[in-house]
């Protein structure tokens, strides 16, 4: 839990520090690229985590390898999280930065759970209805949850919209238990 809170703060701080120079969009995109590069290279992450390698050597490596493709803001941030021992959280920080950035531009992430994965047309219809209901642009992420039996469950931030068969069965059970016989 502590790591999540720290990742959220690092993401917010990074975006805030970049707004005046490169803008939040560019900052978020660069952080995503760093996440991919480091995520695809466990050796690189181990290099950055290795306490036996001098920090000045890590800085020189970053300067040589990353300078052309990244802003000084991103390079300074990379050095900062390495120095703080948080390089293993780069993916989580980037994910939080994406959520923060999307909220700023009016896009809300929706986790859509279904018993089976619907086709693109059906997903677009669900997305459209959610956008109308919540008055926000949505980015849909669909996942399969067979325990729902049928229907859907949409999670938007702290809001859960449950239109699953499982929920309807539980509601029916609850209502039946309330009925007094005799």
N, C-alpha and C. Protein backbone atom coordinates (compact mmCIF):
# COMPACT_ATOMS: atom_id res chain seq x y z
N UNK A 1 0.82 -1.19 0.00
CA UNK A 1 0.00 0.00 0.00
C UNK A 1 0.86 1.26 0.00
N UNK A 2 1.96 1.21 0.76
CA UNK A 2 2.87 2.34 0.83
C UNK A 2 3.49 2.62 -0.54
N UNK A 3 3.83 1.56 -1.28
CA UNK A 3 4.42 1.72 -2.61
C UNK A 3 3.43 2.37 -3.59
N UNK A 4 2.15 2.00 -3.48
CA UNK A 4 1.13 2.59 -4.36
C UNK A 4 1.01 4.08 -4.11
N UNK A 5 0.96 4.46 -2.84
CA UNK A 5 0.85 5.88 -2.50
C UNK A 5 2.08 6.65 -2.99
N UNK A 6 3.24 6.06 -2.82
CA UNK A 6 4.47 6.70 -3.29
C UNK A 6 4.46 6.83 -4.81
N UNK A 7 4.05 5.77 -5.49
CA UNK A 7 3.99 5.80 -6.96
C UNK A 7 3.04 6.89 -7.45
N UNK A 8 1.92 7.03 -6.78
CA UNK A 8 0.94 8.06 -7.14
C UNK A 8 1.55 9.45 -6.94
N UNK A 9 2.24 9.65 -5.83
CA UNK A 9 2.87 10.95 -5.57
C UNK A 9 3.98 11.24 -6.58
N UNK A 10 4.80 10.24 -6.88
CA UNK A 10 5.85 10.43 -7.88
C UNK A 10 5.26 10.77 -9.25
N UNK A 11 4.19 10.09 -9.63
CA UNK A 11 3.55 10.36 -10.92
C UNK A 11 3.02 11.79 -10.96
N UNK A 12 2.32 12.19 -9.90
CA UNK A 12 1.76 13.54 -9.84
C UNK A 12 2.88 14.58 -9.86
N UNK A 13 3.91 14.35 -9.07
CA UNK A 13 5.03 15.29 -9.02
C UNK A 13 5.73 15.41 -10.36
N UNK A 14 5.91 14.28 -11.02
CA UNK A 14 6.57 14.31 -12.33
C UNK A 14 5.74 15.12 -13.33
N UNK A 15 4.45 14.84 -13.41
CA UNK A 15 3.60 15.58 -14.35
C UNK A 15 3.56 17.07 -14.01
N UNK A 16 3.45 17.38 -12.73
CA UNK A 16 3.44 18.79 -12.32
C UNK A 16 4.72 19.50 -12.72
N UNK A 17 5.86 18.82 -12.54
CA UNK A 17 7.15 19.45 -12.85
C UNK A 17 7.36 19.63 -14.36
N UNK A 18 6.65 18.85 -15.15
CA UNK A 18 6.84 18.90 -16.61
C UNK A 18 5.89 19.85 -17.33
N UNK A 19 4.82 20.24 -16.69
CA UNK A 19 3.78 21.05 -17.35
C UNK A 19 4.35 22.30 -18.03
N UNK A 20 5.20 23.02 -17.36
CA UNK A 20 5.72 24.28 -17.90
C UNK A 20 6.73 24.05 -19.02
N UNK A 21 7.46 22.94 -18.98
CA UNK A 21 8.52 22.72 -19.97
C UNK A 21 8.04 21.94 -21.18
N UNK A 22 7.66 20.69 -20.97
CA UNK A 22 7.31 19.84 -22.11
C UNK A 22 5.83 19.52 -22.18
N UNK A 23 5.09 19.83 -21.15
CA UNK A 23 3.66 19.57 -21.11
C UNK A 23 3.36 18.18 -20.56
N UNK A 24 2.18 18.04 -20.00
CA UNK A 24 1.79 16.78 -19.35
C UNK A 24 1.69 15.63 -20.35
N UNK A 25 1.23 15.92 -21.56
CA UNK A 25 1.08 14.85 -22.55
C UNK A 25 2.43 14.26 -22.93
N UNK A 26 3.38 15.11 -23.25
CA UNK A 26 4.72 14.65 -23.61
C UNK A 26 5.37 13.93 -22.44
N UNK A 27 5.18 14.47 -21.23
CA UNK A 27 5.75 13.85 -20.04
C UNK A 27 5.20 12.44 -19.84
N UNK A 28 3.89 12.32 -19.95
CA UNK A 28 3.25 11.01 -19.80
C UNK A 28 3.75 10.03 -20.86
N UNK A 29 3.87 10.49 -22.11
CA UNK A 29 4.32 9.61 -23.20
C UNK A 29 5.78 9.18 -22.99
N UNK A 30 6.62 10.08 -22.53
CA UNK A 30 8.01 9.72 -22.27
C UNK A 30 8.12 8.72 -21.12
N UNK A 31 7.31 8.91 -20.10
CA UNK A 31 7.31 7.99 -18.97
C UNK A 31 6.84 6.60 -19.42
N UNK A 32 5.87 6.56 -20.30
CA UNK A 32 5.40 5.28 -20.86
C UNK A 32 6.54 4.58 -21.62
N UNK A 33 7.30 5.35 -22.39
CA UNK A 33 8.41 4.77 -23.14
C UNK A 33 9.49 4.24 -22.20
N UNK A 34 9.79 4.99 -21.15
CA UNK A 34 10.77 4.51 -20.16
C UNK A 34 10.28 3.21 -19.51
N UNK A 35 9.00 3.17 -19.19
CA UNK A 35 8.41 1.96 -18.61
C UNK A 35 8.60 0.76 -19.54
N UNK A 36 8.35 0.95 -20.82
CA UNK A 36 8.51 -0.15 -21.78
C UNK A 36 9.97 -0.58 -21.91
N UNK A 37 10.86 0.38 -22.02
CA UNK A 37 12.29 0.06 -22.19
C UNK A 37 12.81 -0.71 -20.98
N UNK A 38 12.52 -0.21 -19.80
CA UNK A 38 13.02 -0.86 -18.58
C UNK A 38 12.30 -2.18 -18.33
N UNK A 39 11.00 -2.21 -18.63
CA UNK A 39 10.23 -3.43 -18.45
C UNK A 39 10.66 -4.56 -19.36
N UNK A 40 11.15 -4.22 -20.55
CA UNK A 40 11.59 -5.24 -21.50
C UNK A 40 13.04 -5.67 -21.28
N UNK A 41 13.71 -5.01 -20.34
CA UNK A 41 15.10 -5.34 -20.10
C UNK A 41 15.38 -5.51 -18.60
N UNK A 42 15.16 -6.71 -18.09
CA UNK A 42 15.45 -6.94 -16.66
C UNK A 42 16.90 -6.63 -16.30
N UNK A 43 17.79 -6.82 -17.27
CA UNK A 43 19.21 -6.53 -17.02
C UNK A 43 19.42 -5.04 -16.75
N UNK A 44 18.69 -4.21 -17.50
CA UNK A 44 18.80 -2.77 -17.31
C UNK A 44 18.30 -2.37 -15.93
N UNK A 45 17.17 -2.93 -15.53
CA UNK A 45 16.64 -2.64 -14.19
C UNK A 45 17.63 -3.09 -13.12
N UNK A 46 18.21 -4.27 -13.31
CA UNK A 46 19.21 -4.77 -12.34
C UNK A 46 20.43 -3.86 -12.29
N UNK A 47 20.85 -3.35 -13.44
CA UNK A 47 21.97 -2.41 -13.49
C UNK A 47 21.65 -1.17 -12.64
N UNK A 48 20.43 -0.62 -12.83
CA UNK A 48 20.04 0.57 -12.08
C UNK A 48 19.89 0.29 -10.58
N UNK A 49 19.52 -0.92 -10.22
CA UNK A 49 19.31 -1.28 -8.81
C UNK A 49 20.61 -1.68 -8.11
N UNK A 50 21.61 -2.05 -8.85
CA UNK A 50 22.84 -2.58 -8.28
C UNK A 50 23.57 -1.54 -7.42
N UNK A 51 23.68 -1.80 -6.12
CA UNK A 51 24.34 -0.83 -5.23
C UNK A 51 25.86 -0.79 -5.41
N UNK A 52 26.41 -1.80 -6.06
CA UNK A 52 27.86 -1.83 -6.27
C UNK A 52 28.31 -0.92 -7.41
N UNK A 53 27.36 -0.51 -8.24
CA UNK A 53 27.68 0.40 -9.35
C UNK A 53 27.47 1.83 -8.87
N UNK A 54 28.48 2.65 -9.05
CA UNK A 54 28.42 4.04 -8.61
C UNK A 54 27.28 4.77 -9.32
N UNK A 55 26.63 5.67 -8.58
CA UNK A 55 25.54 6.44 -9.17
C UNK A 55 26.02 7.29 -10.34
N UNK A 56 27.24 7.80 -10.24
CA UNK A 56 27.79 8.61 -11.34
C UNK A 56 27.91 7.79 -12.63
N UNK A 57 28.18 6.49 -12.50
CA UNK A 57 28.23 5.62 -13.68
C UNK A 57 26.83 5.43 -14.27
N UNK A 58 25.86 5.34 -13.41
CA UNK A 58 24.46 5.21 -13.87
C UNK A 58 24.02 6.49 -14.58
N UNK A 59 24.40 7.63 -14.01
CA UNK A 59 24.08 8.92 -14.63
C UNK A 59 24.72 9.03 -16.01
N UNK A 60 25.97 8.63 -16.11
CA UNK A 60 26.69 8.69 -17.39
C UNK A 60 26.03 7.78 -18.41
N UNK A 61 25.60 6.60 -17.97
CA UNK A 61 24.92 5.65 -18.86
C UNK A 61 23.61 6.27 -19.36
N UNK A 62 22.84 6.85 -18.47
CA UNK A 62 21.56 7.48 -18.85
C UNK A 62 21.81 8.58 -19.86
N UNK A 63 22.81 9.40 -19.60
CA UNK A 63 23.15 10.50 -20.49
C UNK A 63 23.52 9.98 -21.89
N UNK A 64 24.33 8.94 -21.95
CA UNK A 64 24.76 8.37 -23.23
C UNK A 64 23.62 7.70 -23.99
N UNK A 65 22.83 6.88 -23.29
CA UNK A 65 21.85 6.03 -23.95
C UNK A 65 20.50 6.72 -24.19
N UNK A 66 20.04 7.52 -23.24
CA UNK A 66 18.68 8.05 -23.31
C UNK A 66 18.58 9.51 -23.75
N UNK A 67 19.69 10.22 -23.84
CA UNK A 67 19.65 11.66 -24.08
C UNK A 67 18.89 12.06 -25.34
N UNK A 68 19.09 11.33 -26.44
CA UNK A 68 18.46 11.74 -27.71
C UNK A 68 16.95 11.56 -27.73
N UNK A 69 16.43 10.57 -27.01
CA UNK A 69 15.00 10.29 -27.11
C UNK A 69 14.14 10.85 -26.00
N UNK A 70 14.76 11.51 -25.01
CA UNK A 70 13.99 11.95 -23.86
C UNK A 70 14.37 13.37 -23.44
N UNK A 71 13.41 14.04 -22.84
CA UNK A 71 13.65 15.40 -22.33
C UNK A 71 14.51 15.34 -21.07
N UNK A 72 15.08 16.47 -20.73
CA UNK A 72 15.87 16.53 -19.49
C UNK A 72 14.98 16.26 -18.28
N UNK A 73 13.69 16.64 -18.37
CA UNK A 73 12.77 16.35 -17.26
C UNK A 73 12.70 14.84 -17.00
N UNK A 74 12.53 14.08 -18.06
CA UNK A 74 12.41 12.62 -17.92
C UNK A 74 13.71 12.00 -17.45
N UNK A 75 14.82 12.47 -17.97
CA UNK A 75 16.12 11.93 -17.55
C UNK A 75 16.40 12.25 -16.09
N UNK A 76 16.07 13.48 -15.67
CA UNK A 76 16.25 13.85 -14.26
C UNK A 76 15.34 13.00 -13.36
N UNK A 77 14.12 12.75 -13.83
CA UNK A 77 13.19 11.93 -13.05
C UNK A 77 13.69 10.50 -12.94
N UNK A 78 14.21 9.97 -14.05
CA UNK A 78 14.76 8.61 -14.04
C UNK A 78 15.90 8.52 -13.03
N UNK A 79 16.80 9.48 -13.07
CA UNK A 79 17.91 9.50 -12.11
C UNK A 79 17.39 9.62 -10.67
N UNK A 80 16.36 10.43 -10.48
CA UNK A 80 15.78 10.63 -9.15
C UNK A 80 15.21 9.32 -8.59
N UNK A 81 14.43 8.60 -9.40
CA UNK A 81 13.83 7.37 -8.85
C UNK A 81 14.88 6.26 -8.68
N UNK A 82 15.94 6.31 -9.47
CA UNK A 82 17.04 5.36 -9.25
C UNK A 82 17.71 5.68 -7.92
N UNK A 83 17.99 6.96 -7.69
CA UNK A 83 18.64 7.38 -6.45
C UNK A 83 17.79 7.04 -5.23
N UNK A 84 16.46 7.14 -5.38
CA UNK A 84 15.54 6.85 -4.27
C UNK A 84 15.25 5.35 -4.12
N UNK A 85 15.82 4.53 -5.01
CA UNK A 85 15.59 3.08 -4.94
C UNK A 85 14.19 2.67 -5.38
N UNK A 86 13.61 3.43 -6.31
CA UNK A 86 12.24 3.18 -6.77
C UNK A 86 12.16 2.77 -8.23
N UNK A 87 13.25 2.38 -8.83
CA UNK A 87 13.22 2.01 -10.24
C UNK A 87 12.28 0.83 -10.49
N UNK A 88 12.13 -0.03 -9.50
CA UNK A 88 11.23 -1.17 -9.67
C UNK A 88 9.77 -0.74 -9.72
N UNK A 89 9.49 0.52 -9.43
CA UNK A 89 8.12 1.03 -9.47
C UNK A 89 7.83 1.85 -10.72
N UNK A 90 8.74 1.85 -11.69
CA UNK A 90 8.57 2.68 -12.89
C UNK A 90 7.26 2.37 -13.61
N UNK A 91 6.88 1.10 -13.69
CA UNK A 91 5.63 0.73 -14.38
C UNK A 91 4.43 1.29 -13.63
N UNK A 92 4.43 1.14 -12.32
CA UNK A 92 3.32 1.63 -11.51
C UNK A 92 3.23 3.16 -11.57
N UNK A 93 4.36 3.82 -11.54
CA UNK A 93 4.38 5.28 -11.63
C UNK A 93 3.82 5.72 -12.98
N UNK A 94 4.25 5.05 -14.05
CA UNK A 94 3.76 5.39 -15.39
C UNK A 94 2.26 5.13 -15.50
N UNK A 95 1.78 4.06 -14.91
CA UNK A 95 0.34 3.76 -14.94
C UNK A 95 -0.46 4.84 -14.22
N UNK A 96 0.04 5.28 -13.07
CA UNK A 96 -0.65 6.37 -12.35
C UNK A 96 -0.59 7.66 -13.15
N UNK A 97 0.54 7.93 -13.79
CA UNK A 97 0.66 9.14 -14.61
C UNK A 97 -0.38 9.13 -15.73
N UNK A 98 -0.61 7.96 -16.31
CA UNK A 98 -1.61 7.83 -17.38
C UNK A 98 -3.00 8.16 -16.85
N UNK A 99 -3.34 7.60 -15.71
CA UNK A 99 -4.66 7.86 -15.11
C UNK A 99 -4.82 9.35 -14.80
N UNK A 100 -3.80 9.95 -14.20
CA UNK A 100 -3.86 11.37 -13.84
C UNK A 100 -4.01 12.22 -15.10
N UNK A 101 -3.20 11.93 -16.11
CA UNK A 101 -3.26 12.70 -17.35
C UNK A 101 -4.62 12.56 -18.02
N UNK A 102 -5.12 11.33 -18.10
CA UNK A 102 -6.41 11.12 -18.76
C UNK A 102 -7.55 11.82 -18.02
N UNK A 103 -7.50 11.80 -16.71
CA UNK A 103 -8.53 12.52 -15.95
C UNK A 103 -8.47 14.02 -16.24
N UNK A 104 -7.26 14.54 -16.35
CA UNK A 104 -7.10 15.97 -16.63
C UNK A 104 -7.71 16.36 -17.97
N UNK A 105 -7.64 15.47 -18.94
CA UNK A 105 -8.21 15.80 -20.25
C UNK A 105 -9.63 15.25 -20.41
N UNK A 106 -10.19 14.76 -19.30
CA UNK A 106 -11.59 14.35 -19.30
C UNK A 106 -11.87 12.92 -19.71
N UNK A 107 -10.88 12.06 -19.65
CA UNK A 107 -11.08 10.64 -19.98
C UNK A 107 -10.99 9.83 -18.70
N UNK A 108 -11.98 9.01 -18.47
CA UNK A 108 -12.02 8.16 -17.28
C UNK A 108 -11.81 6.71 -17.72
N UNK A 109 -11.02 5.99 -16.96
CA UNK A 109 -10.76 4.58 -17.26
C UNK A 109 -11.88 3.72 -16.67
N UNK A 110 -12.37 2.79 -17.47
CA UNK A 110 -13.44 1.89 -17.04
C UNK A 110 -12.95 0.45 -17.16
N UNK A 111 -13.08 -0.28 -16.08
CA UNK A 111 -12.80 -1.71 -16.12
C UNK A 111 -14.14 -2.40 -16.33
N UNK A 112 -14.30 -3.04 -17.45
CA UNK A 112 -15.54 -3.72 -17.80
C UNK A 112 -15.33 -5.21 -17.65
N UNK A 113 -16.11 -5.82 -16.76
CA UNK A 113 -16.02 -7.26 -16.54
C UNK A 113 -17.25 -7.91 -17.17
N UNK A 114 -17.00 -8.98 -17.90
CA UNK A 114 -18.09 -9.73 -18.53
C UNK A 114 -17.83 -11.22 -18.38
N UNK A 115 -18.90 -12.00 -18.50
CA UNK A 115 -18.76 -13.45 -18.40
C UNK A 115 -18.00 -14.00 -19.60
N UNK A 116 -18.15 -13.33 -20.73
CA UNK A 116 -17.41 -13.68 -21.95
C UNK A 116 -17.12 -12.38 -22.68
N UNK A 117 -16.08 -12.37 -23.49
CA UNK A 117 -15.66 -11.15 -24.16
C UNK A 117 -16.58 -10.84 -25.35
N UNK A 118 -17.30 -9.73 -25.30
CA UNK A 118 -18.17 -9.36 -26.41
C UNK A 118 -17.36 -8.84 -27.60
N UNK A 119 -18.01 -8.75 -28.76
CA UNK A 119 -17.33 -8.23 -29.95
C UNK A 119 -17.15 -6.71 -29.83
N UNK A 120 -16.36 -6.15 -30.74
CA UNK A 120 -16.03 -4.72 -30.71
C UNK A 120 -17.27 -3.83 -30.78
N UNK A 121 -18.25 -4.24 -31.58
CA UNK A 121 -19.47 -3.44 -31.74
C UNK A 121 -20.20 -3.32 -30.40
N UNK A 122 -20.31 -4.43 -29.69
CA UNK A 122 -21.00 -4.43 -28.40
C UNK A 122 -20.20 -3.61 -27.38
N UNK A 123 -18.88 -3.73 -27.39
CA UNK A 123 -18.05 -2.93 -26.49
C UNK A 123 -18.23 -1.44 -26.75
N UNK A 124 -18.30 -1.07 -28.03
CA UNK A 124 -18.51 0.34 -28.39
C UNK A 124 -19.87 0.84 -27.88
N UNK A 125 -20.89 -0.02 -27.98
CA UNK A 125 -22.22 0.36 -27.48
C UNK A 125 -22.20 0.57 -25.97
N UNK A 126 -21.55 -0.33 -25.26
CA UNK A 126 -21.45 -0.21 -23.80
C UNK A 126 -20.70 1.08 -23.44
N UNK A 127 -19.60 1.32 -24.14
CA UNK A 127 -18.80 2.52 -23.89
C UNK A 127 -19.64 3.78 -24.11
N UNK A 128 -20.39 3.79 -25.20
CA UNK A 128 -21.23 4.94 -25.53
C UNK A 128 -22.29 5.18 -24.44
N UNK A 129 -22.92 4.12 -23.98
CA UNK A 129 -23.95 4.25 -22.93
C UNK A 129 -23.34 4.75 -21.62
N UNK A 130 -22.15 4.23 -21.27
CA UNK A 130 -21.48 4.69 -20.05
C UNK A 130 -21.08 6.16 -20.17
N UNK A 131 -20.60 6.57 -21.33
CA UNK A 131 -20.23 7.97 -21.54
C UNK A 131 -21.44 8.88 -21.39
N UNK A 132 -22.59 8.43 -21.93
CA UNK A 132 -23.82 9.23 -21.80
C UNK A 132 -24.28 9.29 -20.35
N UNK A 133 -24.23 8.16 -19.67
CA UNK A 133 -24.72 8.09 -18.28
C UNK A 133 -23.85 8.91 -17.33
N UNK A 134 -22.52 8.81 -17.50
CA UNK A 134 -21.60 9.47 -16.58
C UNK A 134 -21.10 10.83 -17.07
N UNK A 135 -21.48 11.19 -18.30
CA UNK A 135 -21.08 12.48 -18.88
C UNK A 135 -19.57 12.68 -18.92
N UNK A 136 -18.86 11.60 -19.28
CA UNK A 136 -17.40 11.65 -19.39
C UNK A 136 -16.97 10.79 -20.56
N UNK A 137 -15.81 11.11 -21.11
CA UNK A 137 -15.20 10.23 -22.11
C UNK A 137 -14.60 9.05 -21.37
N UNK A 138 -14.67 7.88 -21.97
CA UNK A 138 -14.21 6.67 -21.30
C UNK A 138 -13.15 5.95 -22.13
N UNK A 139 -12.24 5.31 -21.41
CA UNK A 139 -11.31 4.36 -22.02
C UNK A 139 -11.66 3.01 -21.41
N UNK A 140 -12.09 2.10 -22.28
CA UNK A 140 -12.58 0.81 -21.82
C UNK A 140 -11.48 -0.23 -21.77
N UNK A 141 -11.42 -0.96 -20.67
CA UNK A 141 -10.53 -2.11 -20.55
C UNK A 141 -11.41 -3.29 -20.16
N UNK A 142 -11.54 -4.24 -21.06
CA UNK A 142 -12.44 -5.38 -20.83
C UNK A 142 -11.67 -6.57 -20.28
N UNK A 143 -12.32 -7.28 -19.35
CA UNK A 143 -11.74 -8.50 -18.82
C UNK A 143 -12.86 -9.52 -18.62
N UNK A 144 -12.47 -10.77 -18.59
CA UNK A 144 -13.44 -11.85 -18.45
C UNK A 144 -13.53 -12.25 -16.98
N UNK A 145 -14.78 -12.33 -16.49
CA UNK A 145 -15.06 -12.77 -15.11
C UNK A 145 -16.21 -13.77 -15.17
N UNK A 146 -15.89 -15.05 -15.41
CA UNK A 146 -16.94 -16.06 -15.59
C UNK A 146 -17.92 -16.16 -14.42
N UNK A 147 -17.50 -15.77 -13.22
CA UNK A 147 -18.38 -15.86 -12.05
C UNK A 147 -19.58 -14.90 -12.15
N UNK A 148 -19.56 -13.95 -13.10
CA UNK A 148 -20.70 -13.05 -13.28
C UNK A 148 -21.89 -13.75 -13.94
N UNK A 149 -21.66 -14.90 -14.52
CA UNK A 149 -22.65 -15.74 -15.21
C UNK A 149 -23.09 -15.10 -16.53
N UNK A 150 -23.44 -13.85 -16.51
CA UNK A 150 -23.87 -13.11 -17.70
C UNK A 150 -23.94 -11.64 -17.35
N UNK A 151 -24.23 -10.79 -18.33
CA UNK A 151 -24.31 -9.36 -18.09
C UNK A 151 -22.93 -8.75 -17.94
N UNK A 152 -22.90 -7.54 -17.36
CA UNK A 152 -21.63 -6.82 -17.21
C UNK A 152 -21.52 -6.18 -15.84
N UNK A 153 -20.29 -5.84 -15.51
CA UNK A 153 -19.99 -5.05 -14.32
C UNK A 153 -18.96 -4.01 -14.77
N UNK A 154 -19.28 -2.73 -14.57
CA UNK A 154 -18.38 -1.65 -14.96
C UNK A 154 -17.87 -0.96 -13.71
N UNK A 155 -16.56 -0.79 -13.63
CA UNK A 155 -15.94 -0.11 -12.49
C UNK A 155 -15.26 1.16 -13.01
N UNK A 156 -15.77 2.30 -12.55
CA UNK A 156 -15.26 3.60 -12.94
C UNK A 156 -14.83 4.32 -11.67
N UNK A 157 -13.53 4.36 -11.44
CA UNK A 157 -13.04 4.95 -10.20
C UNK A 157 -13.58 4.18 -9.00
N UNK A 158 -14.36 4.85 -8.17
CA UNK A 158 -14.96 4.21 -6.99
C UNK A 158 -16.39 3.76 -7.24
N UNK A 159 -16.89 3.95 -8.44
CA UNK A 159 -18.27 3.62 -8.78
C UNK A 159 -18.33 2.25 -9.46
N UNK A 160 -19.22 1.39 -8.97
CA UNK A 160 -19.42 0.08 -9.58
C UNK A 160 -20.85 0.03 -10.10
N UNK A 161 -20.97 -0.21 -11.40
CA UNK A 161 -22.28 -0.39 -12.02
C UNK A 161 -22.39 -1.88 -12.32
N UNK A 162 -23.27 -2.54 -11.59
CA UNK A 162 -23.37 -3.99 -11.69
C UNK A 162 -24.68 -4.41 -12.34
N UNK A 163 -24.59 -4.85 -13.58
CA UNK A 163 -25.76 -5.35 -14.32
C UNK A 163 -25.51 -6.81 -14.70
N UNK A 164 -24.94 -7.56 -13.74
CA UNK A 164 -24.62 -8.96 -14.01
C UNK A 164 -25.74 -9.86 -13.54
N UNK A 165 -25.78 -11.05 -14.09
CA UNK A 165 -26.75 -12.06 -13.67
C UNK A 165 -26.49 -12.43 -12.21
N UNK A 166 -25.23 -12.53 -11.84
CA UNK A 166 -24.87 -12.86 -10.46
C UNK A 166 -25.50 -11.85 -9.50
N UNK A 167 -25.40 -10.56 -9.81
CA UNK A 167 -25.97 -9.50 -8.96
C UNK A 167 -27.48 -9.63 -8.89
N UNK A 168 -28.11 -9.92 -10.01
CA UNK A 168 -29.57 -10.06 -10.03
C UNK A 168 -30.01 -11.25 -9.18
N UNK A 169 -29.27 -12.33 -9.22
CA UNK A 169 -29.58 -13.51 -8.40
C UNK A 169 -29.42 -13.17 -6.92
N UNK A 170 -28.35 -12.46 -6.57
CA UNK A 170 -28.13 -12.07 -5.17
C UNK A 170 -29.23 -11.12 -4.69
N UNK A 171 -29.65 -10.18 -5.56
CA UNK A 171 -30.74 -9.28 -5.19
C UNK A 171 -32.04 -10.05 -4.99
N UNK A 172 -32.31 -11.00 -5.87
CA UNK A 172 -33.51 -11.82 -5.76
C UNK A 172 -33.48 -12.62 -4.45
N UNK A 173 -32.35 -13.20 -4.13
CA UNK A 173 -32.19 -13.96 -2.89
C UNK A 173 -32.46 -13.08 -1.68
N UNK A 174 -31.90 -11.86 -1.70
CA UNK A 174 -32.09 -10.92 -0.60
C UNK A 174 -33.56 -10.55 -0.44
N UNK A 175 -34.23 -10.31 -1.56
CA UNK A 175 -35.65 -9.96 -1.52
C UNK A 175 -36.50 -11.13 -1.01
N UNK A 176 -36.15 -12.34 -1.41
CA UNK A 176 -36.89 -13.51 -0.95
C UNK A 176 -36.71 -13.74 0.55
N UNK A 177 -35.54 -13.44 1.06
CA UNK A 177 -35.29 -13.59 2.49
C UNK A 177 -36.06 -12.55 3.32
N UNK A 178 -36.43 -11.44 2.71
CA UNK A 178 -37.17 -10.40 3.41
C UNK A 178 -38.65 -10.72 3.53
N UNK A 179 -39.14 -11.61 2.65
CA UNK A 179 -40.57 -11.95 2.65
C UNK A 179 -40.89 -12.79 3.88
N UNK A 180 -41.91 -12.36 4.59
CA UNK A 180 -42.35 -13.10 5.76
C UNK A 180 -43.50 -14.03 5.35
N UNK A 181 -43.36 -15.28 5.68
CA UNK A 181 -44.37 -16.25 5.34
C UNK A 181 -45.20 -16.52 6.59
N UNK A 182 -46.52 -16.54 6.39
CA UNK A 182 -47.42 -16.94 7.46
C UNK A 182 -47.78 -15.87 8.33
